[in-house]
PDB file of N, CA and C in Angstrom:
ATOM      1  N   UNK A   1      85.284  95.823  69.523  1.00  0.00           N
ATOM      2  CA  UNK A   1      86.107  96.946  69.125  1.00  0.00           C
ATOM      3  C   UNK A   1      86.715  97.643  70.341  1.00  0.00           C
ATOM      4  N   UNK A   2      85.904  97.760  71.428  1.00  0.00           N
ATOM      5  CA  UNK A   2      86.408  98.424  72.621  1.00  0.00           C
ATOM      6  C   UNK A   2      87.613  97.699  73.212  1.00  0.00           C
ATOM      7  N   UNK A   3      87.550  96.361  73.283  1.00  0.00           N
ATOM      8  CA  UNK A   3      88.656  95.585  73.830  1.00  0.00           C
ATOM      9  C   UNK A   3      89.900  95.733  72.959  1.00  0.00           C
ATOM     10  N   UNK A   4      89.710  95.812  71.662  1.00  0.00           N
ATOM     11  CA  UNK A   4      90.842  95.995  70.750  1.00  0.00           C
ATOM     12  C   UNK A   4      91.536  97.324  71.027  1.00  0.00           C
ATOM     13  N   UNK A   5      90.768  98.384  71.143  1.00  0.00           N
ATOM     14  CA  UNK A   5      91.338  99.718  71.412  1.00  0.00           C
ATOM     15  C   UNK A   5      92.024  99.726  72.766  1.00  0.00           C
ATOM     16  N   UNK A   6      91.364  99.167  73.778  1.00  0.00           N
ATOM     17  CA  UNK A   6      91.944  99.139  75.122  1.00  0.00           C
ATOM     18  C   UNK A   6      93.263  98.382  75.136  1.00  0.00           C
ATOM     19  N   UNK A   7      93.301  97.186  74.558  1.00  0.00           N
ATOM     20  CA  UNK A   7      94.478  96.329  74.675  1.00  0.00           C
ATOM     21  C   UNK A   7      95.602  96.656  73.709  1.00  0.00           C
ATOM     22  N   UNK A   8      95.310  97.126  72.521  1.00  0.00           N
ATOM     23  CA  UNK A   8      96.382  97.374  71.554  1.00  0.00           C
ATOM     24  C   UNK A   8      96.904  98.793  71.580  1.00  0.00           C
ATOM     25  N   UNK A   9      96.086  99.746  71.987  1.00  0.00           N
ATOM     26  CA  UNK A   9      96.525 101.139  71.964  1.00  0.00           C
ATOM     27  C   UNK A   9      96.704 101.683  73.378  1.00  0.00           C
ATOM     28  N   UNK A  10      95.620 101.722  74.134  1.00  0.00           N
ATOM     29  CA  UNK A  10      95.635 102.424  75.415  1.00  0.00           C
ATOM     30  C   UNK A  10      96.553 101.748  76.432  1.00  0.00           C
ATOM     31  N   UNK A  11      96.506 100.427  76.545  1.00  0.00           N
ATOM     32  CA  UNK A  11      97.330  99.751  77.559  1.00  0.00           C
ATOM     33  C   UNK A  11      98.819  99.778  77.228  1.00  0.00           C
ATOM     34  N   UNK A  12      99.167 100.195  76.034  1.00  0.00           N
ATOM     35  CA  UNK A  12     100.573 100.356  75.659  1.00  0.00           C
ATOM     36  C   UNK A  12     101.021 101.812  75.692  1.00  0.00           C
ATOM     37  N   UNK A  13     100.108 102.696  75.998  1.00  0.00           N
ATOM     38  CA  UNK A  13     100.414 104.124  76.035  1.00  0.00           C
ATOM     39  C   UNK A  13     101.275 104.420  77.266  1.00  0.00           C
ATOM     40  N   UNK A  14     102.298 105.273  77.138  1.00  0.00           N
ATOM     41  CA  UNK A  14     103.202 105.507  78.266  1.00  0.00           C
ATOM     42  C   UNK A  14     102.614 106.299  79.429  1.00  0.00           C
ATOM     43  N   UNK A  15     101.456 106.877  79.281  1.00  0.00           N
ATOM     44  CA  UNK A  15     100.858 107.691  80.340  1.00  0.00           C
ATOM     45  C   UNK A  15     100.042 106.814  81.293  1.00  0.00           C
ATOM     46  N   UNK A  16     100.535 106.652  82.513  1.00  0.00           N
ATOM     47  CA  UNK A  16      99.883 105.814  83.514  1.00  0.00           C
ATOM     48  C   UNK A  16      98.466 106.298  83.817  1.00  0.00           C
ATOM     49  N   UNK A  17      98.284 107.591  83.956  1.00  0.00           N
ATOM     50  CA  UNK A  17      96.963 108.146  84.282  1.00  0.00           C
ATOM     51  C   UNK A  17      95.940 107.818  83.187  1.00  0.00           C
ATOM     52  N   UNK A  18      96.362 107.858  81.928  1.00  0.00           N
ATOM     53  CA  UNK A  18      95.456 107.529  80.825  1.00  0.00           C
ATOM     54  C   UNK A  18      95.047 106.058  80.860  1.00  0.00           C
ATOM     55  N   UNK A  19      95.993 105.171  81.171  1.00  0.00           N
ATOM     56  CA  UNK A  19      95.662 103.745  81.253  1.00  0.00           C
ATOM     57  C   UNK A  19      94.624 103.495  82.348  1.00  0.00           C
ATOM     58  N   UNK A  20      94.822 104.102  83.518  1.00  0.00           N
ATOM     59  CA  UNK A  20      93.866 103.913  84.603  1.00  0.00           C
ATOM     60  C   UNK A  20      92.508 104.522  84.266  1.00  0.00           C
ATOM     61  N   UNK A  21      92.514 105.699  83.659  1.00  0.00           N
ATOM     62  CA  UNK A  21      91.260 106.338  83.256  1.00  0.00           C
ATOM     63  C   UNK A  21      90.490 105.443  82.291  1.00  0.00           C
ATOM     64  N   UNK A  22      91.195 104.897  81.304  1.00  0.00           N
ATOM     65  CA  UNK A  22      90.535 104.047  80.299  1.00  0.00           C
ATOM     66  C   UNK A  22      89.986 102.771  80.936  1.00  0.00           C
ATOM     67  N   UNK A  23      90.747 102.154  81.822  1.00  0.00           N
ATOM     68  CA  UNK A  23      90.249 100.943  82.491  1.00  0.00           C
ATOM     69  C   UNK A  23      88.994 101.247  83.286  1.00  0.00           C
ATOM     70  N   UNK A  24      89.001 102.368  83.988  1.00  0.00           N
ATOM     71  CA  UNK A  24      87.801 102.757  84.745  1.00  0.00           C
ATOM     72  C   UNK A  24      86.655 103.087  83.802  1.00  0.00           C
ATOM     73  N   UNK A  25      86.954 103.742  82.704  1.00  0.00           N
ATOM     74  CA  UNK A  25      85.927 104.085  81.721  1.00  0.00           C
ATOM     75  C   UNK A  25      85.246 102.823  81.182  1.00  0.00           C
ATOM     76  N   UNK A  26      86.024 101.772  80.962  1.00  0.00           N
ATOM     77  CA  UNK A  26      85.478 100.516  80.445  1.00  0.00           C
ATOM     78  C   UNK A  26      84.889  99.635  81.543  1.00  0.00           C
ATOM     79  N   UNK A  27      84.846 100.117  82.784  1.00  0.00           N
ATOM     80  CA  UNK A  27      84.112  99.445  83.843  1.00  0.00           C
ATOM     81  C   UNK A  27      84.914  98.788  84.943  1.00  0.00           C
ATOM     82  N   UNK A  28      86.228  98.827  84.869  1.00  0.00           N
ATOM     83  CA  UNK A  28      87.040  98.219  85.903  1.00  0.00           C
ATOM     84  C   UNK A  28      87.006  99.091  87.163  1.00  0.00           C
ATOM     85  N   UNK A  29      86.914  98.456  88.322  1.00  0.00           N
ATOM     86  CA  UNK A  29      86.980  99.185  89.587  1.00  0.00           C
ATOM     87  C   UNK A  29      88.405  99.092  90.105  1.00  0.00           C
ATOM     88  N   UNK A  30      89.057 100.247  90.253  1.00  0.00           N
ATOM     89  CA  UNK A  30      90.455 100.292  90.659  1.00  0.00           C
ATOM     90  C   UNK A  30      90.585 101.208  91.865  1.00  0.00           C
ATOM     91  N   UNK A  31      91.200 100.694  92.936  1.00  0.00           N
ATOM     92  CA  UNK A  31      91.381 101.457  94.159  1.00  0.00           C
ATOM     93  C   UNK A  31      92.443 102.537  94.037  1.00  0.00           C
ATOM     94  N   UNK A  32      92.606 103.280  95.117  1.00  0.00           N
ATOM     95  CA  UNK A  32      93.572 104.384  95.168  1.00  0.00           C
ATOM     96  C   UNK A  32      95.008 103.870  95.107  1.00  0.00           C
ATOM     97  N   UNK A  33      95.840 104.622  94.414  1.00  0.00           N
ATOM     98  CA  UNK A  33      97.279 104.364  94.323  1.00  0.00           C
ATOM     99  C   UNK A  33      97.616 102.991  93.752  1.00  0.00           C
ATOM    100  N   UNK A  34      96.753 102.454  92.923  1.00  0.00           N
ATOM    101  CA  UNK A  34      97.058 101.196  92.242  1.00  0.00           C
ATOM    102  C   UNK A  34      97.645 101.495  90.869  1.00  0.00           C
ATOM    103  N   UNK A  35      98.408 100.554  90.346  1.00  0.00           N
ATOM    104  CA  UNK A  35      99.138 100.752  89.103  1.00  0.00           C
ATOM    105  C   UNK A  35      98.958  99.550  88.193  1.00  0.00           C
ATOM    106  N   UNK A  36      98.736  99.819  86.926  1.00  0.00           N
ATOM    107  CA  UNK A  36      98.741  98.775  85.906  1.00  0.00           C
ATOM    108  C   UNK A  36      99.802  99.184  84.885  1.00  0.00           C
ATOM    109  N   UNK A  37     100.862  98.407  84.809  1.00  0.00           N
ATOM    110  CA  UNK A  37     101.962  98.777  83.926  1.00  0.00           C
ATOM    111  C   UNK A  37     101.652  98.439  82.473  1.00  0.00           C
ATOM    112  N   UNK A  38     102.474  98.973  81.586  1.00  0.00           N
ATOM    113  CA  UNK A  38     102.237  98.862  80.147  1.00  0.00           C
ATOM    114  C   UNK A  38     102.225  97.418  79.652  1.00  0.00           C
ATOM    115  N   UNK A  39     101.440  97.209  78.607  1.00  0.00           N
ATOM    116  CA  UNK A  39     101.401  95.923  77.929  1.00  0.00           C
ATOM    117  C   UNK A  39     100.425  94.931  78.519  1.00  0.00           C
ATOM    118  N   UNK A  40      99.771  95.278  79.609  1.00  0.00           N
ATOM    119  CA  UNK A  40      98.806  94.357  80.209  1.00  0.00           C
ATOM    120  C   UNK A  40      97.578  94.249  79.327  1.00  0.00           C
ATOM    121  N   UNK A  41      97.099  93.029  79.136  1.00  0.00           N
ATOM    122  CA  UNK A  41      95.885  92.782  78.360  1.00  0.00           C
ATOM    123  C   UNK A  41      94.740  92.509  79.314  1.00  0.00           C
ATOM    124  N   UNK A  42      93.594  93.086  79.007  1.00  0.00           N
ATOM    125  CA  UNK A  42      92.433  92.993  79.886  1.00  0.00           C
ATOM    126  C   UNK A  42      91.259  92.399  79.116  1.00  0.00           C
ATOM    127  N   UNK A  43      90.625  91.393  79.719  1.00  0.00           N
ATOM    128  CA  UNK A  43      89.384  90.841  79.161  1.00  0.00           C
ATOM    129  C   UNK A  43      88.267  91.104  80.153  1.00  0.00           C
ATOM    130  N   UNK A  44      87.170  91.635  79.668  1.00  0.00           N
ATOM    131  CA  UNK A  44      85.959  91.910  80.446  1.00  0.00           C
ATOM    132  C   UNK A  44      86.279  92.777  81.681  1.00  0.00           C
ATOM    133  N   UNK A  45      86.749  94.011  81.452  1.00  0.00           N
ATOM    134  CA  UNK A  45      87.142  94.878  82.570  1.00  0.00           C
ATOM    135  C   UNK A  45      86.019  95.169  83.548  1.00  0.00           C
ATOM    136  N   UNK A  46      84.762  95.136  83.106  1.00  0.00           N
ATOM    137  CA  UNK A  46      83.650  95.454  83.992  1.00  0.00           C
ATOM    138  C   UNK A  46      83.434  94.404  85.079  1.00  0.00           C
ATOM    139  N   UNK A  47      84.135  93.290  85.024  1.00  0.00           N
ATOM    140  CA  UNK A  47      84.033  92.269  86.068  1.00  0.00           C
ATOM    141  C   UNK A  47      85.331  92.117  86.850  1.00  0.00           C
ATOM    142  N   UNK A  48      86.164  93.179  86.827  1.00  0.00           N
ATOM    143  CA  UNK A  48      87.440  93.169  87.544  1.00  0.00           C
ATOM    144  C   UNK A  48      87.415  94.242  88.623  1.00  0.00           C
ATOM    145  N   UNK A  49      87.794  93.847  89.831  1.00  0.00           N
ATOM    146  CA  UNK A  49      87.905  94.774  90.962  1.00  0.00           C
ATOM    147  C   UNK A  49      89.330  94.682  91.490  1.00  0.00           C
ATOM    148  N   UNK A  50      89.979  95.830  91.623  1.00  0.00           N
ATOM    149  CA  UNK A  50      91.349  95.901  92.132  1.00  0.00           C
ATOM    150  C   UNK A  50      91.351  96.823  93.340  1.00  0.00           C
ATOM    151  N   UNK A  51      91.952  96.386  94.439  1.00  0.00           N
ATOM    152  CA  UNK A  51      92.005  97.161  95.670  1.00  0.00           C
ATOM    153  C   UNK A  51      93.015  98.294  95.617  1.00  0.00           C
ATOM    154  N   UNK A  52      93.309  98.861  96.776  1.00  0.00           N
ATOM    155  CA  UNK A  52      94.235  99.988  96.921  1.00  0.00           C
ATOM    156  C   UNK A  52      95.687  99.515  96.954  1.00  0.00           C
ATOM    157  N   UNK A  53      96.567 100.340  96.452  1.00  0.00           N
ATOM    158  CA  UNK A  53      98.026 100.128  96.527  1.00  0.00           C
ATOM    159  C   UNK A  53      98.446  98.796  95.910  1.00  0.00           C
ATOM    160  N   UNK A  54      97.822  98.436  94.816  1.00  0.00           N
ATOM    161  CA  UNK A  54      98.117  97.179  94.127  1.00  0.00           C
ATOM    162  C   UNK A  54      98.856  97.475  92.833  1.00  0.00           C
ATOM    163  N   UNK A  55      99.804  96.628  92.488  1.00  0.00           N
ATOM    164  CA  UNK A  55     100.609  96.798  91.275  1.00  0.00           C
ATOM    165  C   UNK A  55     100.429  95.572  90.390  1.00  0.00           C
ATOM    166  N   UNK A  56     100.092  95.817  89.137  1.00  0.00           N
ATOM    167  CA  UNK A  56     100.060  94.766  88.123  1.00  0.00           C
ATOM    168  C   UNK A  56     101.198  95.058  87.161  1.00  0.00           C
ATOM    169  N   UNK A  57     102.129  94.134  87.047  1.00  0.00           N
ATOM    170  CA  UNK A  57     103.365  94.345  86.298  1.00  0.00           C
ATOM    171  C   UNK A  57     103.194  94.401  84.789  1.00  0.00           C
ATOM    172  N   UNK A  58     104.312  94.529  84.119  1.00  0.00           N
ATOM    173  CA  UNK A  58     104.376  94.623  82.668  1.00  0.00           C
ATOM    174  C   UNK A  58     103.814  93.363  82.022  1.00  0.00           C
ATOM    175  N   UNK A  59     103.078  93.555  80.927  1.00  0.00           N
ATOM    176  CA  UNK A  59     102.671  92.460  80.036  1.00  0.00           C
ATOM    177  C   UNK A  59     101.939  91.312  80.719  1.00  0.00           C
ATOM    178  N   UNK A  60     101.086  91.634  81.666  1.00  0.00           N
ATOM    179  CA  UNK A  60     100.242  90.605  82.284  1.00  0.00           C
ATOM    180  C   UNK A  60      98.978  90.418  81.450  1.00  0.00           C
ATOM    181  N   UNK A  61      98.247  89.362  81.742  1.00  0.00           N
ATOM    182  CA  UNK A  61      96.938  89.151  81.125  1.00  0.00           C
ATOM    183  C   UNK A  61      95.960  88.877  82.249  1.00  0.00           C
ATOM    184  N   UNK A  62      94.956  89.748  82.361  1.00  0.00           N
ATOM    185  CA  UNK A  62      93.966  89.580  83.412  1.00  0.00           C
ATOM    186  C   UNK A  62      92.592  89.423  82.769  1.00  0.00           C
ATOM    187  N   UNK A  63      91.899  88.372  83.183  1.00  0.00           N
ATOM    188  CA  UNK A  63      90.644  87.970  82.564  1.00  0.00           C
ATOM    189  C   UNK A  63      89.518  88.102  83.579  1.00  0.00           C
ATOM    190  N   UNK A  64      88.550  88.952  83.288  1.00  0.00           N
ATOM    191  CA  UNK A  64      87.438  89.155  84.197  1.00  0.00           C
ATOM    192  C   UNK A  64      86.174  88.416  83.823  1.00  0.00           C
ATOM    193  N   UNK A  65      86.199  87.574  82.815  1.00  0.00           N
ATOM    194  CA  UNK A  65      84.964  86.930  82.343  1.00  0.00           C
ATOM    195  C   UNK A  65      84.259  86.129  83.431  1.00  0.00           C
ATOM    196  N   UNK A  66      85.001  85.522  84.323  1.00  0.00           N
ATOM    197  CA  UNK A  66      84.396  84.761  85.412  1.00  0.00           C
ATOM    198  C   UNK A  66      84.327  85.542  86.707  1.00  0.00           C
ATOM    199  N   UNK A  67      84.813  86.760  86.699  1.00  0.00           N
ATOM    200  CA  UNK A  67      84.896  87.579  87.896  1.00  0.00           C
ATOM    201  C   UNK A  67      86.299  87.514  88.466  1.00  0.00           C
ATOM    202  N   UNK A  68      86.911  88.665  88.670  1.00  0.00           N
ATOM    203  CA  UNK A  68      88.283  88.727  89.186  1.00  0.00           C
ATOM    204  C   UNK A  68      88.352  89.787  90.260  1.00  0.00           C
ATOM    205  N   UNK A  69      88.728  89.384  91.464  1.00  0.00           N
ATOM    206  CA  UNK A  69      88.924  90.303  92.571  1.00  0.00           C
ATOM    207  C   UNK A  69      90.382  90.228  92.989  1.00  0.00           C
ATOM    208  N   UNK A  70      91.048  91.370  93.016  1.00  0.00           N
ATOM    209  CA  UNK A  70      92.431  91.469  93.463  1.00  0.00           C
ATOM    210  C   UNK A  70      92.419  92.437  94.639  1.00  0.00           C
ATOM    211  N   UNK A  71      92.871  91.990  95.790  1.00  0.00           N
ATOM    212  CA  UNK A  71      92.820  92.785  97.011  1.00  0.00           C
ATOM    213  C   UNK A  71      93.775  93.963  97.019  1.00  0.00           C
ATOM    214  N   UNK A  72      93.955  94.536  98.194  1.00  0.00           N
ATOM    215  CA  UNK A  72      94.834  95.689  98.393  1.00  0.00           C
ATOM    216  C   UNK A  72      96.251  95.232  98.728  1.00  0.00           C
ATOM    217  N   UNK A  73      97.217  96.061  98.391  1.00  0.00           N
ATOM    218  CA  UNK A  73      98.637  95.804  98.658  1.00  0.00           C
ATOM    219  C   UNK A  73      99.103  94.495  98.034  1.00  0.00           C
ATOM    220  N   UNK A  74      98.647  94.244  96.812  1.00  0.00           N
ATOM    221  CA  UNK A  74      99.015  93.035  96.064  1.00  0.00           C
ATOM    222  C   UNK A  74     100.044  93.425  95.009  1.00  0.00           C
ATOM    223  N   UNK A  75     101.038  92.560  94.823  1.00  0.00           N
ATOM    224  CA  UNK A  75     102.038  92.761  93.774  1.00  0.00           C
ATOM    225  C   UNK A  75     101.959  91.584  92.815  1.00  0.00           C
ATOM    226  N   UNK A  76     101.476  91.850  91.610  1.00  0.00           N
ATOM    227  CA  UNK A  76     101.439  90.841  90.559  1.00  0.00           C
ATOM    228  C   UNK A  76     102.587  91.160  89.615  1.00  0.00           C
ATOM    229  N   UNK A  77     103.599  90.316  89.622  1.00  0.00           N
ATOM    230  CA  UNK A  77     104.803  90.573  88.837  1.00  0.00           C
ATOM    231  C   UNK A  77     104.530  90.470  87.340  1.00  0.00           C
ATOM    232  N   UNK A  78     105.493  90.879  86.551  1.00  0.00           N
ATOM    233  CA  UNK A  78     105.354  90.920  85.092  1.00  0.00           C
ATOM    234  C   UNK A  78     105.110  89.549  84.490  1.00  0.00           C
ATOM    235  N   UNK A  79     104.414  89.550  83.366  1.00  0.00           N
ATOM    236  CA  UNK A  79     104.134  88.369  82.541  1.00  0.00           C
ATOM    237  C   UNK A  79     103.254  87.327  83.229  1.00  0.00           C
ATOM    238  N   UNK A  80     102.465  87.730  84.227  1.00  0.00           N
ATOM    239  CA  UNK A  80     101.553  86.791  84.881  1.00  0.00           C
ATOM    240  C   UNK A  80     100.250  86.694  84.103  1.00  0.00           C
ATOM    241  N   UNK A  81      99.583  85.564  84.247  1.00  0.00           N
ATOM    242  CA  UNK A  81      98.296  85.336  83.597  1.00  0.00           C
ATOM    243  C   UNK A  81      97.297  84.943  84.679  1.00  0.00           C
ATOM    244  N   UNK A  82      96.189  85.673  84.739  1.00  0.00           N
ATOM    245  CA  UNK A  82      95.078  85.342  85.626  1.00  0.00           C
ATOM    246  C   UNK A  82      93.898  85.033  84.722  1.00  0.00           C
ATOM    247  N   UNK A  83      93.618  83.757  84.536  1.00  0.00           N
ATOM    248  CA  UNK A  83      92.641  83.292  83.552  1.00  0.00           C
ATOM    249  C   UNK A  83      91.454  82.669  84.262  1.00  0.00           C
ATOM    250  N   UNK A  84      90.260  83.252  84.092  1.00  0.00           N
ATOM    251  CA  UNK A  84      89.065  82.753  84.778  1.00  0.00           C
ATOM    252  C   UNK A  84      88.279  81.741  83.947  1.00  0.00           C
ATOM    253  N   UNK A  85      88.658  81.529  82.710  1.00  0.00           N
ATOM    254  CA  UNK A  85      87.899  80.658  81.830  1.00  0.00           C
ATOM    255  C   UNK A  85      88.619  79.370  81.492  1.00  0.00           C
ATOM    256  N   UNK A  86      87.831  78.360  81.183  1.00  0.00           N
ATOM    257  CA  UNK A  86      88.349  77.069  80.757  1.00  0.00           C
ATOM    258  C   UNK A  86      87.282  76.415  79.884  1.00  0.00           C
ATOM    259  N   UNK A  87      87.502  75.166  79.532  1.00  0.00           N
ATOM    260  CA  UNK A  87      86.532  74.414  78.753  1.00  0.00           C
ATOM    261  C   UNK A  87      86.229  73.102  79.467  1.00  0.00           C
ATOM    262  N   UNK A  88      85.028  72.631  79.300  1.00  0.00           N
ATOM    263  CA  UNK A  88      84.616  71.356  79.873  1.00  0.00           C
ATOM    264  C   UNK A  88      85.092  70.240  78.948  1.00  0.00           C
ATOM    265  N   UNK A  89      86.133  69.533  79.371  1.00  0.00           N
ATOM    266  CA  UNK A  89      86.710  68.502  78.499  1.00  0.00           C
ATOM    267  C   UNK A  89      85.808  67.277  78.392  1.00  0.00           C
ATOM    268  N   UNK A  90      84.829  67.141  79.290  1.00  0.00           N
ATOM    269  CA  UNK A  90      83.887  66.021  79.223  1.00  0.00           C
ATOM    270  C   UNK A  90      82.735  66.285  78.267  1.00  0.00           C
ATOM    271  N   UNK A  91      82.584  67.524  77.848  1.00  0.00           N
ATOM    272  CA  UNK A  91      81.485  67.899  76.975  1.00  0.00           C
ATOM    273  C   UNK A  91      81.832  67.603  75.519  1.00  0.00           C
ATOM    274  N   UNK A  92      80.873  67.099  74.777  1.00  0.00           N
ATOM    275  CA  UNK A  92      81.118  66.848  73.354  1.00  0.00           C
ATOM    276  C   UNK A  92      81.233  68.166  72.583  1.00  0.00           C
ATOM    277  N   UNK A  93      80.732  69.256  73.164  1.00  0.00           N
ATOM    278  CA  UNK A  93      80.820  70.573  72.517  1.00  0.00           C
ATOM    279  C   UNK A  93      81.952  71.426  73.095  1.00  0.00           C
ATOM    280  N   UNK A  94      82.679  70.891  74.070  1.00  0.00           N
ATOM    281  CA  UNK A  94      83.823  71.572  74.668  1.00  0.00           C
ATOM    282  C   UNK A  94      83.423  72.970  75.156  1.00  0.00           C
ATOM    283  N   UNK A  95      82.274  73.029  75.857  1.00  0.00           N
ATOM    284  CA  UNK A  95      81.699  74.293  76.288  1.00  0.00           C
ATOM    285  C   UNK A  95      82.623  75.055  77.233  1.00  0.00           C
ATOM    286  N   UNK A  96      82.578  76.370  77.116  1.00  0.00           N
ATOM    287  CA  UNK A  96      83.358  77.231  78.005  1.00  0.00           C
ATOM    288  C   UNK A  96      82.672  77.322  79.354  1.00  0.00           C
ATOM    289  N   UNK A  97      83.471  77.360  80.402  1.00  0.00           N
ATOM    290  CA  UNK A  97      82.937  77.648  81.723  1.00  0.00           C
ATOM    291  C   UNK A  97      83.901  78.593  82.432  1.00  0.00           C
ATOM    292  N   UNK A  98      83.354  79.401  83.314  1.00  0.00           N
ATOM    293  CA  UNK A  98      84.126  80.448  83.967  1.00  0.00           C
ATOM    294  C   UNK A  98      83.913  80.375  85.465  1.00  0.00           C
ATOM    295  N   UNK A  99      84.968  80.570  86.207  1.00  0.00           N
ATOM    296  CA  UNK A  99      84.933  80.588  87.665  1.00  0.00           C
ATOM    297  C   UNK A  99      85.719  81.813  88.144  1.00  0.00           C
ATOM    298  N   UNK A 100      85.279  82.415  89.251  1.00  0.00           N
ATOM    299  CA  UNK A 100      85.974  83.614  89.739  1.00  0.00           C
ATOM    300  C   UNK A 100      87.342  83.298  90.342  1.00  0.00           C
ATOM    301  N   UNK A 101      88.209  84.283  90.279  1.00  0.00           N
ATOM    302  CA  UNK A 101      89.494  84.252  90.975  1.00  0.00           C
ATOM    303  C   UNK A 101      89.424  85.332  92.044  1.00  0.00           C
ATOM    304  N   UNK A 102      89.814  84.980  93.268  1.00  0.00           N
ATOM    305  CA  UNK A 102      89.797  85.913  94.385  1.00  0.00           C
ATOM    306  C   UNK A 102      91.184  85.909  95.015  1.00  0.00           C
ATOM    307  N   UNK A 103      91.884  87.027  94.910  1.00  0.00           N
ATOM    308  CA  UNK A 103      93.223  87.166  95.485  1.00  0.00           C
ATOM    309  C   UNK A 103      93.106  88.074  96.699  1.00  0.00           C
ATOM    310  N   UNK A 104      93.485  87.570  97.859  1.00  0.00           N
ATOM    311  CA  UNK A 104      93.371  88.314  99.118  1.00  0.00           C
ATOM    312  C   UNK A 104      94.384  89.465  99.182  1.00  0.00           C
ATOM    313  N   UNK A 105      94.299  90.256 100.232  1.00  0.00           N
ATOM    314  CA  UNK A 105      95.223  91.371 100.466  1.00  0.00           C
ATOM    315  C   UNK A 105      96.627  90.850 100.757  1.00  0.00           C
ATOM    316  N   UNK A 106      97.607  91.691 100.458  1.00  0.00           N
ATOM    317  CA  UNK A 106      99.021  91.460 100.779  1.00  0.00           C
ATOM    318  C   UNK A 106      99.563  90.148 100.182  1.00  0.00           C
ATOM    319  N   UNK A 107      99.299  89.939  98.911  1.00  0.00           N
ATOM    320  CA  UNK A 107      99.780  88.750  98.200  1.00  0.00           C
ATOM    321  C   UNK A 107     100.804  89.185  97.170  1.00  0.00           C
ATOM    322  N   UNK A 108     101.850  88.388  97.018  1.00  0.00           N
ATOM    323  CA  UNK A 108     102.827  88.616  95.959  1.00  0.00           C
ATOM    324  C   UNK A 108     102.767  87.409  95.031  1.00  0.00           C
ATOM    325  N   UNK A 109     102.597  87.691  93.739  1.00  0.00           N
ATOM    326  CA  UNK A 109     102.580  86.645  92.718  1.00  0.00           C
ATOM    327  C   UNK A 109     103.810  86.845  91.860  1.00  0.00           C
ATOM    328  N   UNK A 110     104.671  85.847  91.800  1.00  0.00           N
ATOM    329  CA  UNK A 110     105.953  85.952  91.104  1.00  0.00           C
ATOM    330  C   UNK A 110     105.833  85.977  89.588  1.00  0.00           C
ATOM    331  N   UNK A 111     106.898  86.390  88.953  1.00  0.00           N
ATOM    332  CA  UNK A 111     106.976  86.550  87.505  1.00  0.00           C
ATOM    333  C   UNK A 111     106.573  85.270  86.776  1.00  0.00           C
ATOM    334  N   UNK A 112     105.774  85.440  85.729  1.00  0.00           N
ATOM    335  CA  UNK A 112     105.308  84.379  84.838  1.00  0.00           C
ATOM    336  C   UNK A 112     104.396  83.343  85.491  1.00  0.00           C
ATOM    337  N   UNK A 113     103.834  83.663  86.641  1.00  0.00           N
ATOM    338  CA  UNK A 113     102.898  82.735  87.282  1.00  0.00           C
ATOM    339  C   UNK A 113     101.606  82.696  86.476  1.00  0.00           C
ATOM    340  N   UNK A 114     100.953  81.553  86.498  1.00  0.00           N
ATOM    341  CA  UNK A 114      99.665  81.392  85.840  1.00  0.00           C
ATOM    342  C   UNK A 114      98.669  80.943  86.904  1.00  0.00           C
ATOM    343  N   UNK A 115      97.592  81.686  87.041  1.00  0.00           N
ATOM    344  CA  UNK A 115      96.540  81.348  88.001  1.00  0.00           C
ATOM    345  C   UNK A 115      95.289  81.052  87.202  1.00  0.00           C
ATOM    346  N   UNK A 116      94.770  79.848  87.380  1.00  0.00           N
ATOM    347  CA  UNK A 116      93.598  79.394  86.633  1.00  0.00           C
ATOM    348  C   UNK A 116      92.439  79.191  87.584  1.00  0.00           C
TER     349      UNK A 116
END
């Protein structure tokens, strides 16, 4: 229920301060002067760390299930997907597995990029 409220209501709310407050409330660590623009979807915020002066563009999808670290002075353009989960195609049960994503400082990720 919490993820539903965060992603369908709060992350679409026009007040930037409210979006950041809610992300922090749900466990995301966000540095000073960082921005998450409207429409971004968040999975497992308590496993996401964002550095200082970082911008996450419109309508991105960020997945913290495997652990997600985004450094300082990073620009993630709109419509990007950072997905930490996958499935084991060799498994007869197609089990989920998760690996962390670590984005260093001063990185620019272009529009519609997908990082797996």
